[in-house]
Amino acid sequence: MKRNRVVLAATLALAASMPNLVSASTIAIGAGAFGPGSTLTTFTGLADGTDVNNLVVDGILFQYSLGNGLVVIDGGPGTTNNVAVPNIVSVGNPTGVLSVTLPTLVDSFGYGFAVLLTTPIGTATTISLFNDSTAVGSLLYSGMPDPFFTGGFAGIQSTLLFNRAELTFTGAAPAFALDNIRTSLRPVPEPGLLLLIGASLVGAVVRRRRL
């Protein structure tokens, strides 16, 4: 009976610690981190002037917080190291939030971007991640001439899955562009499986003490 209480207490303690075991952390990743099995979304074939607000491409829903007509498909800054024609471009107020709702849960997301500047900037774009309405994490990204307009690739990987990303761009630039959206999902143990493994380890320790 005493041993059973020990196992139960240890299992409950492990269960209580699970949120810490799976608490979200995020890291910045490059385009090269999206390997086999990842998805790439471009805007090839869409007509210039197509409104991006409520547009769906490859199952991805795009919404702009400031409404219709301010973000469209266009040529943007032309071709950069991370953006190709056509791409998503702001033609109105660029300080809103571009929400990207994904068709499935993923753990990695990224996009090429450019802003209408030609000098380095410390905070060019921000990614904020959500699982439905639950905040997962966020990262800031700097921009460098790429090769002329300021930009780069903003990639993020999270230890918690997410299905929505909110993108913002620097208020110092009068316009932004983005393209080449990448997503991927790595196999990860389910929390229930981690709990089962932990309980098995506790049981193994107790059995060893009995021997």
N, C-alpha and C. Protein backbone atom coordinates (compact mmCIF):
# COMPACT_ATOMS: atom_id res chain seq x y z
N MET A 1 0.82 -1.20 0.00
CA MET A 1 0.00 0.00 0.00
C MET A 1 0.87 1.26 0.00
N LYS A 2 1.94 1.21 0.81
CA LYS A 2 2.83 2.36 0.88
C LYS A 2 3.48 2.60 -0.47
N ARG A 3 3.90 1.46 -1.11
CA ARG A 3 4.54 1.61 -2.42
C ARG A 3 3.55 2.20 -3.43
N ASN A 4 2.29 1.78 -3.38
CA ASN A 4 1.29 2.32 -4.28
C ASN A 4 1.11 3.82 -4.09
N ARG A 5 1.15 4.25 -2.82
CA ARG A 5 1.03 5.68 -2.55
C ARG A 5 2.21 6.44 -3.12
N VAL A 6 3.41 5.83 -3.04
CA VAL A 6 4.60 6.46 -3.59
C VAL A 6 4.47 6.64 -5.10
N VAL A 7 4.01 5.57 -5.78
CA VAL A 7 3.85 5.64 -7.22
C VAL A 7 2.80 6.68 -7.60
N LEU A 8 1.66 6.68 -6.87
CA LEU A 8 0.61 7.64 -7.16
C LEU A 8 1.09 9.07 -6.96
N ALA A 9 1.81 9.30 -5.86
CA ALA A 9 2.30 10.66 -5.58
C ALA A 9 3.29 11.11 -6.65
N ALA A 10 4.16 10.18 -7.06
CA ALA A 10 5.15 10.53 -8.09
C ALA A 10 4.47 10.82 -9.42
N THR A 11 3.45 10.02 -9.76
CA THR A 11 2.74 10.23 -11.01
C THR A 11 2.01 11.56 -11.01
N LEU A 12 1.34 11.89 -9.87
CA LEU A 12 0.65 13.16 -9.77
C LEU A 12 1.62 14.33 -9.86
N ALA A 13 2.78 14.16 -9.26
CA ALA A 13 3.80 15.23 -9.32
C ALA A 13 4.26 15.43 -10.75
N LEU A 14 4.42 14.31 -11.48
CA LEU A 14 4.83 14.42 -12.88
C LEU A 14 3.76 15.10 -13.70
N ALA A 15 2.49 14.74 -13.44
CA ALA A 15 1.39 15.36 -14.17
C ALA A 15 1.35 16.86 -13.90
N ALA A 16 1.59 17.25 -12.65
CA ALA A 16 1.56 18.68 -12.30
C ALA A 16 2.68 19.44 -12.98
N SER A 17 3.76 18.74 -13.29
CA SER A 17 4.90 19.42 -13.91
C SER A 17 4.80 19.44 -15.42
N MET A 18 3.80 18.78 -16.02
CA MET A 18 3.69 18.70 -17.46
C MET A 18 3.64 20.07 -18.14
N PRO A 19 2.89 21.07 -17.63
CA PRO A 19 2.91 22.37 -18.31
C PRO A 19 4.31 22.94 -18.46
N ASN A 20 5.17 22.68 -17.48
CA ASN A 20 6.54 23.15 -17.58
C ASN A 20 7.31 22.38 -18.64
N LEU A 21 7.01 21.07 -18.75
CA LEU A 21 7.71 20.25 -19.73
C LEU A 21 7.37 20.67 -21.16
N VAL A 22 6.15 21.16 -21.37
CA VAL A 22 5.73 21.50 -22.72
C VAL A 22 5.51 23.00 -22.89
N SER A 23 6.04 23.82 -21.97
CA SER A 23 5.89 25.26 -22.10
C SER A 23 6.58 25.72 -23.39
N ALA A 24 5.97 26.70 -24.04
CA ALA A 24 6.43 27.11 -25.36
C ALA A 24 7.75 27.86 -25.28
N SER A 25 8.62 27.54 -26.20
CA SER A 25 9.79 28.38 -26.47
C SER A 25 9.89 28.49 -27.97
N THR A 26 10.40 29.62 -28.43
CA THR A 26 10.49 29.87 -29.87
C THR A 26 11.93 30.24 -30.23
N ILE A 27 12.33 29.84 -31.43
CA ILE A 27 13.65 30.20 -31.94
C ILE A 27 13.50 30.69 -33.38
N ALA A 28 14.40 31.55 -33.80
CA ALA A 28 14.43 32.00 -35.19
C ALA A 28 15.12 30.96 -36.06
N ILE A 29 14.57 30.70 -37.22
CA ILE A 29 15.16 29.73 -38.16
C ILE A 29 15.23 30.34 -39.54
N GLY A 30 16.14 29.85 -40.36
CA GLY A 30 16.28 30.31 -41.73
C GLY A 30 15.46 29.47 -42.69
N ALA A 31 15.40 29.91 -43.92
CA ALA A 31 14.63 29.18 -44.93
C ALA A 31 15.17 27.77 -45.13
N GLY A 32 16.47 27.59 -44.91
CA GLY A 32 17.07 26.28 -45.08
C GLY A 32 16.64 25.25 -44.06
N ALA A 33 16.00 25.70 -42.97
CA ALA A 33 15.55 24.78 -41.93
C ALA A 33 14.28 24.04 -42.33
N PHE A 34 13.61 24.51 -43.39
CA PHE A 34 12.38 23.87 -43.86
C PHE A 34 12.76 22.81 -44.89
N GLY A 35 12.85 21.58 -44.42
CA GLY A 35 13.31 20.49 -45.27
C GLY A 35 12.19 19.75 -45.95
N PRO A 36 12.44 18.47 -46.30
CA PRO A 36 11.41 17.63 -46.92
C PRO A 36 10.15 17.56 -46.07
N GLY A 37 9.01 17.62 -46.72
CA GLY A 37 7.75 17.58 -46.00
C GLY A 37 7.19 18.96 -45.66
N SER A 38 8.00 20.00 -45.85
CA SER A 38 7.51 21.35 -45.59
C SER A 38 6.68 21.82 -46.79
N THR A 39 5.91 22.87 -46.59
CA THR A 39 5.10 23.43 -47.67
C THR A 39 5.62 24.82 -48.02
N LEU A 40 5.47 25.17 -49.29
CA LEU A 40 5.86 26.48 -49.79
C LEU A 40 4.66 27.09 -50.51
N THR A 41 4.27 28.28 -50.10
CA THR A 41 3.15 28.98 -50.72
C THR A 41 3.67 30.24 -51.39
N THR A 42 3.42 30.35 -52.69
CA THR A 42 3.73 31.57 -53.44
C THR A 42 2.42 32.12 -54.01
N PHE A 43 2.51 33.23 -54.71
CA PHE A 43 1.32 33.87 -55.23
C PHE A 43 1.32 33.92 -56.76
N THR A 44 2.08 33.01 -57.34
CA THR A 44 2.16 32.89 -58.79
C THR A 44 0.78 32.63 -59.38
N GLY A 45 0.45 33.36 -60.43
CA GLY A 45 -0.83 33.17 -61.11
C GLY A 45 -1.94 34.09 -60.64
N LEU A 46 -1.75 34.75 -59.50
CA LEU A 46 -2.77 35.69 -59.03
C LEU A 46 -2.59 37.04 -59.72
N ALA A 47 -3.70 37.66 -60.08
CA ALA A 47 -3.66 38.91 -60.82
C ALA A 47 -3.24 40.07 -59.92
N ASP A 48 -2.47 41.00 -60.48
CA ASP A 48 -2.13 42.21 -59.74
C ASP A 48 -3.42 42.93 -59.31
N GLY A 49 -3.42 43.45 -58.12
CA GLY A 49 -4.57 44.16 -57.60
C GLY A 49 -5.54 43.28 -56.84
N THR A 50 -5.31 41.95 -56.80
CA THR A 50 -6.18 41.06 -56.04
C THR A 50 -6.14 41.45 -54.56
N ASP A 51 -7.30 41.68 -53.96
CA ASP A 51 -7.36 42.08 -52.55
C ASP A 51 -6.95 40.89 -51.69
N VAL A 52 -6.04 41.12 -50.75
CA VAL A 52 -5.53 40.05 -49.89
C VAL A 52 -6.45 39.81 -48.69
N ASN A 53 -7.19 40.82 -48.27
CA ASN A 53 -8.07 40.65 -47.11
C ASN A 53 -9.13 39.59 -47.42
N ASN A 54 -9.12 38.49 -46.64
CA ASN A 54 -10.01 37.33 -46.81
C ASN A 54 -9.65 36.46 -48.01
N LEU A 55 -8.47 36.64 -48.56
CA LEU A 55 -7.99 35.78 -49.64
C LEU A 55 -7.52 34.44 -49.07
N VAL A 56 -7.81 33.34 -49.77
CA VAL A 56 -7.35 32.02 -49.37
C VAL A 56 -6.45 31.47 -50.47
N VAL A 57 -5.22 31.11 -50.10
CA VAL A 57 -4.26 30.52 -51.02
C VAL A 57 -3.67 29.28 -50.37
N ASP A 58 -3.75 28.14 -51.03
CA ASP A 58 -3.25 26.87 -50.49
C ASP A 58 -3.86 26.57 -49.11
N GLY A 59 -5.12 26.95 -48.93
CA GLY A 59 -5.79 26.70 -47.66
C GLY A 59 -5.45 27.70 -46.58
N ILE A 60 -4.58 28.66 -46.87
CA ILE A 60 -4.18 29.69 -45.90
C ILE A 60 -5.07 30.91 -46.07
N LEU A 61 -5.68 31.36 -44.98
CA LEU A 61 -6.54 32.54 -44.99
C LEU A 61 -5.74 33.76 -44.57
N PHE A 62 -5.79 34.81 -45.40
CA PHE A 62 -5.11 36.06 -45.11
C PHE A 62 -6.16 37.12 -44.76
N GLN A 63 -5.93 37.84 -43.66
CA GLN A 63 -6.84 38.91 -43.25
C GLN A 63 -6.01 40.10 -42.76
N TYR A 64 -6.46 41.29 -43.14
CA TYR A 64 -5.75 42.50 -42.73
C TYR A 64 -6.62 43.29 -41.77
N SER A 65 -6.05 43.66 -40.64
CA SER A 65 -6.85 44.26 -39.56
C SER A 65 -7.47 45.59 -39.95
N LEU A 66 -6.88 46.27 -40.94
CA LEU A 66 -7.39 47.58 -41.33
C LEU A 66 -8.37 47.51 -42.51
N GLY A 67 -8.71 46.28 -42.94
CA GLY A 67 -9.77 46.14 -43.91
C GLY A 67 -9.33 45.95 -45.35
N ASN A 68 -10.27 46.14 -46.26
CA ASN A 68 -10.07 45.86 -47.68
C ASN A 68 -9.25 46.93 -48.40
N GLY A 69 -8.58 46.49 -49.46
CA GLY A 69 -7.94 47.41 -50.38
C GLY A 69 -6.60 47.95 -49.96
N LEU A 70 -6.13 47.60 -48.78
CA LEU A 70 -4.86 48.16 -48.29
C LEU A 70 -3.68 47.21 -48.49
N VAL A 71 -3.98 45.92 -48.70
CA VAL A 71 -2.94 44.93 -48.98
C VAL A 71 -3.41 44.11 -50.18
N VAL A 72 -2.59 44.06 -51.23
CA VAL A 72 -3.00 43.43 -52.48
C VAL A 72 -1.86 42.58 -53.05
N ILE A 73 -2.18 41.81 -54.06
CA ILE A 73 -1.16 41.11 -54.84
C ILE A 73 -0.61 42.09 -55.87
N ASP A 74 0.73 42.20 -55.94
CA ASP A 74 1.35 43.14 -56.88
C ASP A 74 2.81 42.75 -57.07
N GLY A 75 3.54 43.63 -57.76
CA GLY A 75 4.94 43.37 -58.03
C GLY A 75 5.86 43.75 -56.90
N GLY A 76 5.35 44.53 -55.94
CA GLY A 76 6.16 44.89 -54.78
C GLY A 76 7.45 45.58 -55.18
N PRO A 77 8.53 45.20 -54.48
CA PRO A 77 9.82 45.83 -54.79
C PRO A 77 10.53 45.16 -55.96
N GLY A 78 9.85 44.26 -56.65
CA GLY A 78 10.53 43.44 -57.65
C GLY A 78 11.13 42.22 -56.98
N THR A 79 12.08 41.59 -57.62
CA THR A 79 12.68 40.38 -57.08
C THR A 79 13.84 40.73 -56.14
N THR A 80 13.79 40.19 -54.92
CA THR A 80 14.89 40.31 -53.97
C THR A 80 15.39 38.91 -53.67
N ASN A 81 16.25 38.77 -52.70
CA ASN A 81 16.75 37.44 -52.35
C ASN A 81 15.67 36.56 -51.74
N ASN A 82 14.59 37.16 -51.22
CA ASN A 82 13.55 36.39 -50.54
C ASN A 82 12.14 36.67 -51.01
N VAL A 83 12.00 37.56 -51.97
CA VAL A 83 10.68 37.94 -52.49
C VAL A 83 10.74 37.90 -54.01
N ALA A 84 9.72 37.30 -54.65
CA ALA A 84 9.63 37.26 -56.10
C ALA A 84 8.28 37.83 -56.53
N VAL A 85 8.19 38.17 -57.80
CA VAL A 85 6.94 38.72 -58.36
C VAL A 85 6.04 37.56 -58.80
N PRO A 86 4.72 37.57 -58.49
CA PRO A 86 4.00 38.55 -57.67
C PRO A 86 4.10 38.22 -56.18
N ASN A 87 3.75 39.18 -55.34
CA ASN A 87 3.81 38.97 -53.90
C ASN A 87 2.75 39.81 -53.23
N ILE A 88 2.64 39.66 -51.91
CA ILE A 88 1.72 40.48 -51.13
C ILE A 88 2.37 41.83 -50.85
N VAL A 89 1.63 42.90 -51.12
CA VAL A 89 2.17 44.25 -50.98
C VAL A 89 1.15 45.14 -50.28
N SER A 90 1.63 45.99 -49.37
CA SER A 90 0.75 47.01 -48.78
C SER A 90 0.73 48.22 -49.71
N VAL A 91 -0.47 48.70 -50.02
CA VAL A 91 -0.61 49.90 -50.86
C VAL A 91 -1.36 51.00 -50.11
N GLY A 92 -1.78 50.69 -48.88
CA GLY A 92 -2.41 51.69 -48.02
C GLY A 92 -1.64 51.79 -46.73
N ASN A 93 -2.35 51.92 -45.63
CA ASN A 93 -1.71 52.01 -44.32
C ASN A 93 -0.98 50.70 -44.00
N PRO A 94 0.35 50.72 -43.82
CA PRO A 94 1.10 49.48 -43.61
C PRO A 94 1.26 49.09 -42.14
N THR A 95 0.58 49.78 -41.23
CA THR A 95 0.83 49.54 -39.81
C THR A 95 -0.17 48.58 -39.18
N GLY A 96 -1.04 47.97 -39.98
CA GLY A 96 -2.00 47.02 -39.44
C GLY A 96 -1.38 45.66 -39.21
N VAL A 97 -2.22 44.71 -38.81
CA VAL A 97 -1.81 43.34 -38.55
C VAL A 97 -2.28 42.45 -39.70
N LEU A 98 -1.35 41.74 -40.32
CA LEU A 98 -1.70 40.76 -41.34
C LEU A 98 -1.80 39.41 -40.66
N SER A 99 -3.01 38.88 -40.56
CA SER A 99 -3.24 37.60 -39.89
C SER A 99 -3.22 36.48 -40.91
N VAL A 100 -2.46 35.43 -40.60
CA VAL A 100 -2.30 34.28 -41.50
C VAL A 100 -2.83 33.06 -40.75
N THR A 101 -4.00 32.56 -41.15
CA THR A 101 -4.60 31.40 -40.51
C THR A 101 -4.31 30.16 -41.34
N LEU A 102 -3.64 29.19 -40.73
CA LEU A 102 -3.17 28.00 -41.44
C LEU A 102 -4.22 26.90 -41.42
N PRO A 103 -4.22 26.02 -42.42
CA PRO A 103 -5.23 24.96 -42.46
C PRO A 103 -5.00 23.84 -41.45
N THR A 104 -3.77 23.72 -40.94
CA THR A 104 -3.45 22.68 -39.96
C THR A 104 -2.50 23.24 -38.91
N LEU A 105 -2.35 22.51 -37.82
CA LEU A 105 -1.37 22.88 -36.79
C LEU A 105 0.03 22.59 -37.31
N VAL A 106 0.94 23.50 -37.05
CA VAL A 106 2.35 23.35 -37.44
C VAL A 106 3.23 23.79 -36.29
N ASP A 107 4.54 23.56 -36.42
CA ASP A 107 5.46 24.07 -35.41
C ASP A 107 6.49 25.02 -35.99
N SER A 108 6.49 25.20 -37.33
CA SER A 108 7.45 26.10 -37.97
C SER A 108 6.75 26.91 -39.05
N PHE A 109 7.14 28.18 -39.15
CA PHE A 109 6.49 29.10 -40.09
C PHE A 109 7.51 30.16 -40.47
N GLY A 110 7.44 30.62 -41.71
CA GLY A 110 8.35 31.67 -42.12
C GLY A 110 7.95 32.31 -43.44
N TYR A 111 8.56 33.44 -43.78
CA TYR A 111 8.24 34.13 -45.02
C TYR A 111 9.38 35.08 -45.38
N GLY A 112 9.55 35.30 -46.68
CA GLY A 112 10.45 36.33 -47.14
C GLY A 112 9.75 37.67 -47.07
N PHE A 113 10.48 38.73 -46.76
CA PHE A 113 9.85 40.04 -46.62
C PHE A 113 10.77 41.14 -47.13
N ALA A 114 10.17 42.25 -47.45
CA ALA A 114 10.90 43.47 -47.80
C ALA A 114 10.09 44.65 -47.32
N VAL A 115 10.77 45.70 -46.90
CA VAL A 115 10.10 46.95 -46.53
C VAL A 115 10.72 48.08 -47.34
N LEU A 116 9.96 49.16 -47.52
CA LEU A 116 10.38 50.24 -48.39
C LEU A 116 11.40 51.14 -47.69
N LEU A 117 12.56 50.54 -47.42
CA LEU A 117 13.72 51.23 -46.88
C LEU A 117 14.95 50.65 -47.57
N THR A 118 16.06 51.33 -47.48
CA THR A 118 17.29 50.83 -48.09
C THR A 118 18.43 50.75 -47.08
N THR A 119 18.12 50.90 -45.81
CA THR A 119 19.13 50.83 -44.76
C THR A 119 18.74 49.76 -43.74
N PRO A 120 19.71 49.22 -43.00
CA PRO A 120 19.39 48.22 -41.99
C PRO A 120 18.43 48.79 -40.94
N ILE A 121 17.59 47.91 -40.40
CA ILE A 121 16.66 48.32 -39.35
C ILE A 121 16.55 47.20 -38.34
N GLY A 122 16.54 47.55 -37.06
CA GLY A 122 16.58 46.55 -35.99
C GLY A 122 15.30 45.76 -35.86
N THR A 123 14.16 46.43 -36.02
CA THR A 123 12.87 45.75 -35.91
C THR A 123 12.11 45.98 -37.20
N ALA A 124 12.25 45.04 -38.14
CA ALA A 124 11.60 45.18 -39.44
C ALA A 124 10.23 44.52 -39.45
N THR A 125 10.13 43.33 -38.82
CA THR A 125 8.87 42.61 -38.80
C THR A 125 8.77 41.77 -37.52
N THR A 126 7.56 41.47 -37.12
CA THR A 126 7.31 40.68 -35.92
C THR A 126 6.34 39.55 -36.26
N ILE A 127 6.61 38.36 -35.73
CA ILE A 127 5.68 37.24 -35.84
C ILE A 127 5.15 36.93 -34.45
N SER A 128 3.82 36.90 -34.31
CA SER A 128 3.17 36.47 -33.07
C SER A 128 2.34 35.24 -33.39
N LEU A 129 2.55 34.15 -32.63
CA LEU A 129 1.91 32.87 -32.90
C LEU A 129 0.74 32.62 -31.97
N PHE A 130 -0.28 31.90 -32.50
CA PHE A 130 -1.46 31.56 -31.72
C PHE A 130 -1.93 30.16 -32.08
N ASN A 131 -2.46 29.46 -31.10
CA ASN A 131 -3.23 28.24 -31.33
C ASN A 131 -4.68 28.63 -31.09
N ASP A 132 -5.42 28.86 -32.16
CA ASP A 132 -6.74 29.50 -32.09
C ASP A 132 -6.57 30.86 -31.41
N SER A 133 -7.12 31.05 -30.22
CA SER A 133 -6.99 32.35 -29.55
C SER A 133 -5.90 32.37 -28.48
N THR A 134 -5.24 31.24 -28.27
CA THR A 134 -4.22 31.14 -27.22
C THR A 134 -2.86 31.57 -27.76
N ALA A 135 -2.25 32.58 -27.13
CA ALA A 135 -0.93 33.05 -27.55
C ALA A 135 0.13 31.99 -27.28
N VAL A 136 1.00 31.78 -28.25
CA VAL A 136 2.06 30.77 -28.15
C VAL A 136 3.43 31.42 -27.95
N GLY A 137 3.71 32.49 -28.68
CA GLY A 137 5.01 33.16 -28.56
C GLY A 137 5.20 34.12 -29.71
N SER A 138 6.26 34.91 -29.66
CA SER A 138 6.52 35.87 -30.73
C SER A 138 8.02 36.16 -30.81
N LEU A 139 8.43 36.64 -31.98
CA LEU A 139 9.82 37.02 -32.21
C LEU A 139 9.87 38.26 -33.09
N LEU A 140 10.92 39.06 -32.90
CA LEU A 140 11.19 40.22 -33.73
C LEU A 140 12.33 39.90 -34.70
N TYR A 141 12.30 40.52 -35.88
CA TYR A 141 13.32 40.26 -36.89
C TYR A 141 13.86 41.57 -37.44
N SER A 142 15.16 41.63 -37.58
CA SER A 142 15.79 42.80 -38.18
C SER A 142 15.79 42.64 -39.70
N GLY A 143 16.07 43.73 -40.40
CA GLY A 143 16.15 43.70 -41.85
C GLY A 143 17.45 44.30 -42.34
N MET A 144 17.97 43.74 -43.43
CA MET A 144 19.19 44.22 -44.07
C MET A 144 18.93 44.42 -45.55
N PRO A 145 19.71 45.26 -46.24
CA PRO A 145 19.55 45.38 -47.69
C PRO A 145 19.60 44.00 -48.35
N ASP A 146 18.58 43.69 -49.20
CA ASP A 146 18.37 42.32 -49.66
C ASP A 146 18.06 42.22 -51.16
N PRO A 147 18.88 42.61 -52.09
CA PRO A 147 20.16 43.29 -51.87
C PRO A 147 20.03 44.81 -51.81
N PHE A 148 18.88 45.34 -52.26
CA PHE A 148 18.73 46.79 -52.26
C PHE A 148 17.72 47.22 -51.21
N PHE A 149 16.47 46.78 -51.36
CA PHE A 149 15.48 47.10 -50.34
C PHE A 149 15.71 46.27 -49.08
N THR A 150 15.42 46.85 -47.93
CA THR A 150 15.62 46.18 -46.65
C THR A 150 14.65 45.01 -46.51
N GLY A 151 15.19 43.86 -46.10
CA GLY A 151 14.33 42.69 -45.94
C GLY A 151 15.11 41.50 -45.42
N GLY A 152 14.62 40.30 -45.77
CA GLY A 152 15.25 39.07 -45.32
C GLY A 152 14.24 37.95 -45.24
N PHE A 153 14.53 36.95 -44.43
CA PHE A 153 13.60 35.85 -44.19
C PHE A 153 13.30 35.80 -42.70
N ALA A 154 12.02 35.80 -42.36
CA ALA A 154 11.59 35.70 -40.95
C ALA A 154 11.04 34.30 -40.74
N GLY A 155 11.76 33.49 -39.99
CA GLY A 155 11.32 32.13 -39.71
C GLY A 155 11.27 31.86 -38.22
N ILE A 156 10.28 31.10 -37.78
CA ILE A 156 10.11 30.82 -36.36
C ILE A 156 9.74 29.36 -36.16
N GLN A 157 10.28 28.78 -35.10
CA GLN A 157 9.95 27.40 -34.73
C GLN A 157 9.54 27.40 -33.25
N SER A 158 8.45 26.69 -32.94
CA SER A 158 7.89 26.70 -31.59
C SER A 158 7.80 25.29 -31.04
N THR A 159 7.97 25.17 -29.72
CA THR A 159 7.80 23.87 -29.07
C THR A 159 6.32 23.54 -28.87
N LEU A 160 5.44 24.52 -29.06
CA LEU A 160 4.00 24.28 -29.05
C LEU A 160 3.44 24.50 -30.44
N LEU A 161 2.48 23.69 -30.84
CA LEU A 161 1.90 23.83 -32.16
C LEU A 161 1.02 25.07 -32.24
N PHE A 162 0.87 25.59 -33.45
CA PHE A 162 0.06 26.79 -33.66
C PHE A 162 -0.62 26.70 -35.03
N ASN A 163 -1.68 27.48 -35.22
CA ASN A 163 -2.37 27.49 -36.50
C ASN A 163 -2.68 28.90 -37.00
N ARG A 164 -2.10 29.89 -36.33
CA ARG A 164 -2.30 31.27 -36.78
C ARG A 164 -1.07 32.09 -36.44
N ALA A 165 -0.71 32.98 -37.35
CA ALA A 165 0.41 33.89 -37.13
C ALA A 165 -0.05 35.30 -37.45
N GLU A 166 0.25 36.24 -36.58
CA GLU A 166 -0.04 37.64 -36.82
C GLU A 166 1.27 38.35 -37.16
N LEU A 167 1.30 39.00 -38.32
CA LEU A 167 2.52 39.63 -38.82
C LEU A 167 2.36 41.14 -38.79
N THR A 168 3.36 41.81 -38.26
CA THR A 168 3.38 43.28 -38.31
C THR A 168 4.72 43.71 -38.88
N PHE A 169 4.73 44.94 -39.42
CA PHE A 169 5.93 45.47 -40.06
C PHE A 169 6.24 46.84 -39.50
N THR A 170 7.49 47.25 -39.64
CA THR A 170 7.94 48.50 -39.06
C THR A 170 7.11 49.69 -39.53
N GLY A 171 6.79 50.55 -38.59
CA GLY A 171 6.10 51.78 -38.93
C GLY A 171 7.00 52.81 -39.58
N ALA A 172 8.32 52.53 -39.62
CA ALA A 172 9.26 53.47 -40.23
C ALA A 172 9.23 53.38 -41.75
N ALA A 173 8.65 52.32 -42.31
CA ALA A 173 8.60 52.14 -43.76
C ALA A 173 7.20 52.41 -44.27
N PRO A 174 7.07 53.05 -45.43
CA PRO A 174 5.74 53.37 -45.96
C PRO A 174 5.04 52.18 -46.62
N ALA A 175 5.75 51.04 -46.78
CA ALA A 175 5.13 49.88 -47.41
C ALA A 175 5.92 48.63 -47.05
N PHE A 176 5.27 47.46 -47.18
CA PHE A 176 5.95 46.19 -46.98
C PHE A 176 5.51 45.21 -48.06
N ALA A 177 6.29 44.16 -48.23
CA ALA A 177 5.95 43.07 -49.14
C ALA A 177 6.37 41.77 -48.50
N LEU A 178 5.66 40.67 -48.83
CA LEU A 178 6.07 39.35 -48.34
C LEU A 178 5.72 38.28 -49.36
N ASP A 179 6.44 37.17 -49.27
CA ASP A 179 6.32 36.11 -50.26
C ASP A 179 6.94 34.84 -49.70
N ASN A 180 6.79 33.74 -50.45
CA ASN A 180 7.45 32.47 -50.12
C ASN A 180 7.19 32.04 -48.67
N ILE A 181 5.91 31.81 -48.37
CA ILE A 181 5.51 31.38 -47.02
C ILE A 181 5.80 29.90 -46.86
N ARG A 182 6.51 29.57 -45.81
CA ARG A 182 6.88 28.17 -45.55
C ARG A 182 6.30 27.71 -44.21
N THR A 183 5.85 26.45 -44.18
CA THR A 183 5.39 25.84 -42.93
C THR A 183 5.88 24.41 -42.87
N SER A 184 6.01 23.88 -41.66
CA SER A 184 6.35 22.47 -41.49
C SER A 184 5.92 22.01 -40.11
N LEU A 185 5.85 20.69 -39.97
CA LEU A 185 5.48 20.07 -38.70
C LEU A 185 6.41 18.89 -38.46
N ARG A 186 7.18 18.95 -37.39
CA ARG A 186 8.05 17.84 -37.00
C ARG A 186 7.29 16.92 -36.07
N PRO A 187 7.53 15.60 -36.16
CA PRO A 187 6.88 14.68 -35.21
C PRO A 187 7.32 15.00 -33.79
N VAL A 188 6.36 15.17 -32.88
CA VAL A 188 6.66 15.45 -31.47
C VAL A 188 5.82 14.55 -30.59
N PRO A 189 6.33 14.10 -29.44
CA PRO A 189 5.54 13.27 -28.54
C PRO A 189 4.33 14.03 -28.00
N GLU A 190 3.19 13.34 -27.92
CA GLU A 190 2.01 13.94 -27.31
C GLU A 190 2.21 14.04 -25.79
N PRO A 191 1.63 15.07 -25.13
CA PRO A 191 1.75 15.18 -23.67
C PRO A 191 1.30 13.92 -22.94
N GLY A 192 0.23 13.27 -23.42
CA GLY A 192 -0.23 12.03 -22.79
C GLY A 192 0.81 10.93 -22.86
N LEU A 193 1.52 10.88 -24.00
CA LEU A 193 2.57 9.88 -24.14
C LEU A 193 3.72 10.18 -23.20
N LEU A 194 4.06 11.47 -23.05
CA LEU A 194 5.12 11.84 -22.11
C LEU A 194 4.75 11.46 -20.69
N LEU A 195 3.48 11.64 -20.33
CA LEU A 195 3.02 11.29 -19.00
C LEU A 195 3.10 9.78 -18.78
N LEU A 196 2.72 9.01 -19.81
CA LEU A 196 2.79 7.55 -19.72
C LEU A 196 4.23 7.08 -19.56
N ILE A 197 5.14 7.70 -20.32
CA ILE A 197 6.55 7.35 -20.21
C ILE A 197 7.07 7.67 -18.81
N GLY A 198 6.67 8.85 -18.30
CA GLY A 198 7.12 9.24 -16.96
C GLY A 198 6.62 8.28 -15.90
N ALA A 199 5.34 7.87 -16.00
CA ALA A 199 4.78 6.93 -15.03
C ALA A 199 5.51 5.59 -15.10
N SER A 200 5.87 5.16 -16.30
CA SER A 200 6.60 3.90 -16.45
C SER A 200 7.97 3.98 -15.80
N LEU A 201 8.62 5.15 -15.94
CA LEU A 201 9.94 5.33 -15.31
C LEU A 201 9.82 5.30 -13.80
N VAL A 202 8.76 5.93 -13.27
CA VAL A 202 8.55 5.90 -11.82
C VAL A 202 8.35 4.46 -11.36
N GLY A 203 7.54 3.69 -12.11
CA GLY A 203 7.31 2.30 -11.75
C GLY A 203 8.58 1.48 -11.77
N ALA A 204 9.47 1.75 -12.75
CA ALA A 204 10.72 1.03 -12.85
C ALA A 204 11.61 1.32 -11.63
N VAL A 205 11.62 2.59 -11.19
CA VAL A 205 12.40 2.95 -10.01
C VAL A 205 11.89 2.23 -8.77
N VAL A 206 10.56 2.18 -8.62
CA VAL A 206 9.98 1.51 -7.45
C VAL A 206 10.31 0.01 -7.46
N ARG A 207 10.20 -0.59 -8.66
CA ARG A 207 10.51 -2.03 -8.75
C ARG A 207 11.97 -2.30 -8.40
N ARG A 208 12.85 -1.43 -8.84
CA ARG A 208 14.27 -1.62 -8.54
C ARG A 208 14.50 -1.57 -7.04
N ARG A 209 13.80 -0.66 -6.35
CA ARG A 209 13.95 -0.56 -4.88
C ARG A 209 13.45 -1.81 -4.18
N ARG A 210 12.47 -2.51 -4.79
CA ARG A 210 11.93 -3.72 -4.17
C ARG A 210 12.90 -4.89 -4.24
N LEU A 211 13.81 -4.84 -5.28
CA LEU A 211 14.72 -5.97 -5.49
C LEU A 211 15.86 -5.99 -4.45
